[in-house]
Amino acid sequence: MRYPVAMLQIPVAFKDQSHDDAPASRRFRTLFISDVHLGTRGCQANLFLTFLRDHDADVIYLVGDIVDGWRMRSSWYWPQAHNDVVQKILRKARKGARIVYIPGNHDEFLRDYYGTHFGGIEVAETAIHESADGKKFLVLHGDVFDVIVRNARWLAYFGDWAYDFAIFANRYFNWIRRRLGLTYWSLSKWAKHKVKNAVNFIGEFEQAVALEARKQNVEGVICGHIHHATIHDLYGTRYMNCGDWVESCTALAEHYDGTFELLTWTIPEANLSPVSAAPAKGVPVPA
């Protein structure tokens, strides 16, 4: 599958700028963020906001599903923290960061605006990112390689509802676990890794996206969509997935020497309540 429309070529040369107050150790050449799902109760908006305050980059890719239009069509949920996230991103653009927004299936309403700018944010179908060491990577959300989203829309909506319910139930389940002195346990992640069909789906998705990177004659691909943060070379090319900001709270970062790493941003378990998993302050954890 080719993408002749709205394909961005991101230049190699960058300046090491301080757009916010992020310490030098948390300033990167590029940040890739996906699947924030603003507009849903499962979104870790406060936690994501602390990440944005403590991390900065010359270029920030928003790799789809930043806003959840699916959920907001059925019920409106937009607390102040979600608005603060939008304002923080716009502020980074005003301070000089290049922001590239690649819509996903949940924010597909933005796909009518490829090639336009909103508040300094570029909207594109896909992009070709060139790393500091000259390697090129295809950047896309990835839903076009999801056969359920493409061919069984109703099933995709049902799966989205089931996932939201699992996140909701998981909060109360883990609140009880903490009362018993037990550690956090993710129901949705357990299901993904234990159910054979889910494991097969992840593998097939990664393989299909990696194949597209080879067709595009690039070194690898950077995507989101399946909420499964990872970096590997299992399918003959570099595959990098940003993860999400519903459970894993991860982002992909490129250093100024062209190396990539996954960043995980989490919180002490004691700060979590059964109705809110988004306290005021986060702490970095090595990925």
Protein backbone atom coordinates (compact mmCIF):
# COMPACT_ATOMS: atom_id res chain seq x y z
CA MET A 1 0.00 0.00 0.00
CA ARG A 2 1.44 3.39 -1.05
CA TYR A 3 0.84 6.80 0.46
CA PRO A 4 1.28 9.46 -2.25
CA VAL A 5 -0.91 12.01 -0.43
CA ALA A 6 0.32 14.28 2.37
CA MET A 7 3.62 12.45 2.86
CA LEU A 8 5.98 14.69 4.81
CA GLN A 9 9.75 14.66 4.50
CA ILE A 10 11.21 15.83 7.80
CA PRO A 11 14.61 17.53 7.43
CA VAL A 12 17.76 16.21 9.07
CA ALA A 13 19.11 19.40 10.59
CA PHE A 14 17.78 20.49 13.97
CA LYS A 15 18.82 22.94 16.63
CA ASP A 16 19.03 21.87 20.25
CA GLN A 17 16.44 24.27 21.61
CA SER A 18 14.82 24.56 25.02
CA HIS A 19 11.12 25.06 24.29
CA ASP A 20 9.91 24.52 27.83
CA ASP A 21 11.65 24.01 31.14
CA ALA A 22 12.62 20.38 30.59
CA PRO A 23 16.04 19.46 32.00
CA ALA A 24 18.76 18.70 29.47
CA SER A 25 18.64 15.00 30.34
CA ARG A 26 15.02 14.90 29.15
CA ARG A 27 15.43 16.90 25.95
CA PHE A 28 15.37 14.90 22.74
CA ARG A 29 15.72 15.38 19.03
CA THR A 30 12.32 13.79 18.42
CA LEU A 31 9.39 12.47 20.47
CA PHE A 32 6.72 10.13 19.11
CA ILE A 33 3.45 9.94 21.05
CA SER A 34 0.31 7.99 20.19
CA ASP A 35 -3.02 6.80 21.59
CA VAL A 36 -3.59 9.40 24.30
CA HIS A 37 -7.39 9.12 23.83
CA LEU A 38 -8.33 12.54 25.16
CA GLY A 39 -12.07 12.62 25.72
CA THR A 40 -12.22 9.26 27.51
CA ARG A 41 -12.20 8.44 31.20
CA GLY A 42 -9.35 6.01 30.69
CA CYS A 43 -6.99 8.72 29.42
CA GLN A 44 -4.11 9.42 31.80
CA ALA A 45 -4.29 13.16 31.04
CA ASN A 46 -2.72 14.47 34.25
CA LEU A 47 0.09 11.99 33.97
CA PHE A 48 0.63 12.86 30.32
CA LEU A 49 0.71 16.53 31.24
CA THR A 50 3.55 15.97 33.71
CA PHE A 51 5.40 14.07 30.97
CA LEU A 52 5.02 16.99 28.56
CA ARG A 53 6.25 19.41 31.23
CA ASP A 54 9.36 17.35 31.92
CA HIS A 55 10.22 16.29 28.34
CA ASP A 56 10.91 18.34 25.25
CA ALA A 57 12.00 17.82 21.66
CA ASP A 58 12.73 19.72 18.47
CA VAL A 59 10.07 17.68 16.64
CA ILE A 60 7.05 15.96 18.19
CA TYR A 61 4.99 13.48 16.21
CA LEU A 62 1.43 12.86 17.40
CA VAL A 63 0.95 9.39 15.92
CA GLY A 64 -2.83 9.13 15.99
CA ASP A 65 -5.72 8.64 18.42
CA ILE A 66 -4.69 11.68 20.43
CA VAL A 67 -8.35 12.70 20.65
CA ASP A 68 -11.01 9.99 20.82
CA GLY A 69 -13.77 11.09 18.47
CA TRP A 70 -15.44 7.68 18.68
CA ARG A 71 -16.10 8.03 22.39
CA MET A 72 -17.09 11.69 22.26
CA ARG A 73 -19.77 10.95 19.67
CA SER A 74 -21.60 8.78 22.20
CA SER A 75 -20.87 10.74 25.40
CA TRP A 76 -19.10 14.01 26.07
CA TYR A 77 -16.23 13.90 28.57
CA TRP A 78 -13.67 16.71 28.51
CA PRO A 79 -12.33 17.72 31.95
CA GLN A 80 -9.86 20.56 32.48
CA ALA A 81 -6.86 18.23 32.41
CA HIS A 82 -7.67 17.27 28.81
CA ASN A 83 -7.86 20.91 27.83
CA ASP A 84 -4.55 21.54 29.62
CA VAL A 85 -2.89 18.85 27.49
CA VAL A 86 -4.05 20.55 24.29
CA GLN A 87 -2.82 23.92 25.55
CA LYS A 88 0.57 22.45 26.51
CA ILE A 89 1.04 20.99 23.02
CA LEU A 90 0.08 24.30 21.41
CA ARG A 91 2.52 26.09 23.72
CA LYS A 92 5.34 23.82 22.59
CA ALA A 93 4.49 24.72 18.98
CA ARG A 94 4.56 28.43 19.81
CA LYS A 95 7.94 27.98 21.51
CA GLY A 96 9.45 26.54 18.33
CA ALA A 97 8.86 22.79 18.39
CA ARG A 98 7.66 21.28 15.12
CA ILE A 99 4.45 19.34 15.78
CA VAL A 100 3.26 16.80 13.19
CA TYR A 101 -0.18 15.26 13.74
CA ILE A 102 -0.89 11.98 11.93
CA PRO A 103 -4.55 11.11 12.62
CA GLY A 104 -5.62 7.59 13.59
CA ASN A 105 -8.97 5.85 13.42
CA HIS A 106 -10.31 7.44 16.61
CA ASP A 107 -9.47 10.97 15.42
CA GLU A 108 -10.25 10.24 11.78
CA PHE A 109 -12.27 13.47 11.54
CA LEU A 110 -8.89 15.21 11.06
CA ARG A 111 -8.21 13.19 7.91
CA ASP A 112 -10.19 15.77 5.96
CA TYR A 113 -7.45 18.30 6.76
CA TYR A 114 -4.26 16.71 5.41
CA GLY A 115 -1.74 19.34 4.45
CA THR A 116 -3.19 22.06 6.69
CA HIS A 117 -1.93 23.73 9.88
CA PHE A 118 -3.81 24.36 13.12
CA GLY A 119 -2.08 26.57 15.68
CA GLY A 120 1.30 25.58 14.30
CA ILE A 121 0.44 21.87 14.15
CA GLU A 122 0.86 20.15 10.77
CA VAL A 123 -1.67 17.50 9.81
CA ALA A 124 -0.43 14.71 7.51
CA GLU A 125 -1.48 11.24 6.44
CA THR A 126 2.00 9.79 7.00
CA ALA A 127 5.54 11.11 7.25
CA ILE A 128 9.07 10.03 6.48
CA HIS A 129 11.27 10.82 9.45
CA GLU A 130 15.01 11.05 8.90
CA SER A 131 17.00 10.31 12.04
CA ALA A 132 20.19 12.07 13.10
CA ASP A 133 22.30 9.29 11.59
CA GLY A 134 20.54 9.52 8.22
CA LYS A 135 18.14 6.58 8.48
CA LYS A 136 14.59 7.00 7.21
CA PHE A 137 11.49 5.74 8.98
CA LEU A 138 7.87 5.60 7.86
CA VAL A 139 5.61 7.19 10.49
CA LEU A 140 1.91 6.26 10.49
CA HIS A 141 -0.81 5.36 12.97
CA GLY A 142 -1.29 1.83 11.64
CA ASP A 143 -5.05 1.30 11.62
CA VAL A 144 -5.05 0.73 7.83
CA PHE A 145 -3.33 -2.58 8.58
CA ASP A 146 -5.99 -3.62 11.11
CA VAL A 147 -8.37 -5.93 9.24
CA ILE A 148 -11.06 -5.50 11.91
CA VAL A 149 -11.06 -1.71 11.61
CA ARG A 150 -11.07 -1.94 7.82
CA ASN A 151 -13.57 -4.76 7.27
CA ALA A 152 -15.71 -5.11 10.41
CA ARG A 153 -16.35 -1.63 11.75
CA TRP A 154 -19.05 -2.76 14.18
CA LEU A 155 -16.63 -5.26 15.71
CA ALA A 156 -14.01 -2.53 16.12
CA TYR A 157 -16.55 -0.40 18.00
CA PHE A 158 -17.49 -3.35 20.20
CA GLY A 159 -13.82 -4.08 20.92
CA ASP A 160 -13.30 -0.43 21.84
CA TRP A 161 -16.22 -0.58 24.28
CA ALA A 162 -14.91 -3.83 25.79
CA TYR A 163 -11.45 -2.32 26.24
CA ASP A 164 -12.87 0.74 28.00
CA PHE A 165 -14.88 -1.53 30.30
CA ALA A 166 -11.74 -3.55 31.11
CA ILE A 167 -9.89 -0.33 32.03
CA PHE A 168 -12.82 0.78 34.23
CA ALA A 169 -13.07 -2.58 35.99
CA ASN A 170 -9.31 -2.75 36.37
CA ARG A 171 -9.21 0.41 38.48
CA TYR A 172 -11.49 -1.04 41.14
CA PHE A 173 -9.83 -4.45 40.96
CA ASN A 174 -6.41 -2.92 41.61
CA TRP A 175 -7.77 -0.68 44.34
CA ILE A 176 -8.75 -3.87 46.18
CA ARG A 177 -5.35 -5.43 45.41
CA ARG A 178 -3.56 -2.43 46.92
CA ARG A 179 -5.71 -2.71 50.06
CA LEU A 180 -4.48 -6.30 50.31
CA GLY A 181 -0.87 -5.21 49.82
CA LEU A 182 -0.62 -6.64 46.31
CA THR A 183 0.97 -5.01 43.27
CA TYR A 184 -0.73 -3.63 40.16
CA TRP A 185 -2.09 -6.15 37.66
CA SER A 186 -3.50 -5.26 34.23
CA LEU A 187 -6.57 -7.17 33.10
CA SER A 188 -6.41 -5.89 29.51
CA LYS A 189 -2.70 -6.63 29.13
CA TRP A 190 -3.20 -10.11 30.55
CA ALA A 191 -5.97 -10.73 28.02
CA LYS A 192 -3.83 -9.48 25.14
CA HIS A 193 -0.92 -11.73 26.02
CA LYS A 194 -2.85 -14.83 27.06
CA VAL A 195 -5.58 -15.04 24.45
CA LYS A 196 -4.13 -16.79 21.41
CA ASN A 197 -6.05 -14.75 18.86
CA ALA A 198 -4.92 -11.48 20.43
CA VAL A 199 -1.28 -12.58 20.36
CA ASN A 200 -1.64 -13.62 16.74
CA PHE A 201 -3.24 -10.28 15.90
CA ILE A 202 -0.31 -8.33 17.36
CA GLY A 203 2.19 -10.42 15.42
CA GLU A 204 0.27 -10.13 12.17
CA PHE A 205 -0.12 -6.38 12.60
CA GLU A 206 3.58 -5.87 13.27
CA GLN A 207 4.53 -8.01 10.30
CA ALA A 208 2.19 -6.14 7.94
CA VAL A 209 3.47 -2.73 9.05
CA ALA A 210 7.09 -3.87 8.75
CA LEU A 211 6.39 -5.13 5.23
CA GLU A 212 5.04 -1.70 4.29
CA ALA A 213 8.30 -0.14 5.49
CA ARG A 214 10.26 -2.42 3.18
CA LYS A 215 7.97 -1.47 0.28
CA GLN A 216 8.69 2.18 1.03
CA ASN A 217 12.46 1.45 0.94
CA VAL A 218 13.04 2.86 4.43
CA GLU A 219 14.92 1.51 7.44
CA GLY A 220 11.84 0.92 9.54
CA VAL A 221 8.44 2.05 10.74
CA ILE A 222 7.10 4.00 13.72
CA CYS A 223 3.43 3.51 14.61
CA GLY A 224 0.83 3.22 17.35
CA HIS A 225 -2.74 1.85 17.28
CA ILE A 226 -2.40 -1.47 19.13
CA HIS A 227 -1.28 -0.02 22.52
CA HIS A 228 1.75 -2.30 22.61
CA ALA A 229 5.02 -0.41 23.04
CA THR A 230 8.05 -2.21 21.64
CA ILE A 231 11.18 -1.94 19.52
CA HIS A 232 12.37 -4.96 17.55
CA ASP A 233 13.71 -6.23 14.22
CA LEU A 234 11.77 -9.49 14.00
CA TYR A 235 10.46 -8.97 10.47
CA GLY A 236 13.55 -7.82 8.64
CA THR A 237 13.22 -4.13 9.45
CA ARG A 238 13.10 -1.93 12.53
CA TYR A 239 9.60 -1.85 14.07
CA MET A 240 8.89 0.74 16.77
CA ASN A 241 5.52 1.25 18.47
CA CYS A 242 4.89 4.25 20.75
CA GLY A 243 2.47 2.46 23.06
CA ASP A 244 -0.34 4.46 24.67
CA TRP A 245 -1.42 6.84 27.46
CA VAL A 246 -4.28 4.74 28.80
CA GLU A 247 -2.28 2.03 30.56
CA SER A 248 1.37 1.77 29.59
CA CYS A 249 2.06 5.55 29.46
CA THR A 250 4.93 5.31 27.02
CA ALA A 251 6.55 7.43 24.32
CA LEU A 252 9.27 6.80 21.77
CA ALA A 253 12.25 9.16 21.88
CA GLU A 254 15.11 9.80 19.48
CA HIS A 255 18.36 11.09 20.96
CA TYR A 256 20.64 13.54 19.17
CA ASP A 257 22.91 10.71 18.05
CA GLY A 258 20.05 8.96 16.25
CA THR A 259 19.42 6.21 18.81
CA PHE A 260 15.87 5.43 19.90
CA GLU A 261 14.43 4.35 23.23
CA LEU A 262 11.04 3.80 24.81
CA LEU A 263 10.23 6.06 27.75
CA THR A 264 7.80 4.90 30.44
CA TRP A 265 6.21 7.47 32.75
CA THR A 266 4.46 6.10 35.81
CA ILE A 267 3.47 6.89 39.37
CA PRO A 268 3.76 5.36 42.84
CA GLU A 269 0.95 2.87 43.36
CA ALA A 270 0.03 4.53 46.66
CA ASN A 271 -1.19 7.61 44.76
CA LEU A 272 -3.78 5.71 42.74
CA SER A 273 -7.46 5.69 43.66
CA PRO A 274 -10.17 3.41 42.26
CA VAL A 275 -11.79 6.28 40.35
CA SER A 276 -8.74 8.15 39.12
CA ALA A 277 -5.37 6.89 37.95
CA ALA A 278 -3.95 10.33 37.21
CA PRO A 279 -2.25 12.02 40.18
CA ALA A 280 -0.34 15.26 40.05
CA LYS A 281 3.23 14.05 39.68
CA GLY A 282 4.91 11.31 37.68
CA VAL A 283 8.28 9.61 38.02
CA PRO A 284 10.40 8.23 35.17
CA VAL A 285 10.96 4.50 34.90
CA PRO A 286 13.49 2.94 32.49
CA ALA A 287 11.78 1.16 29.62
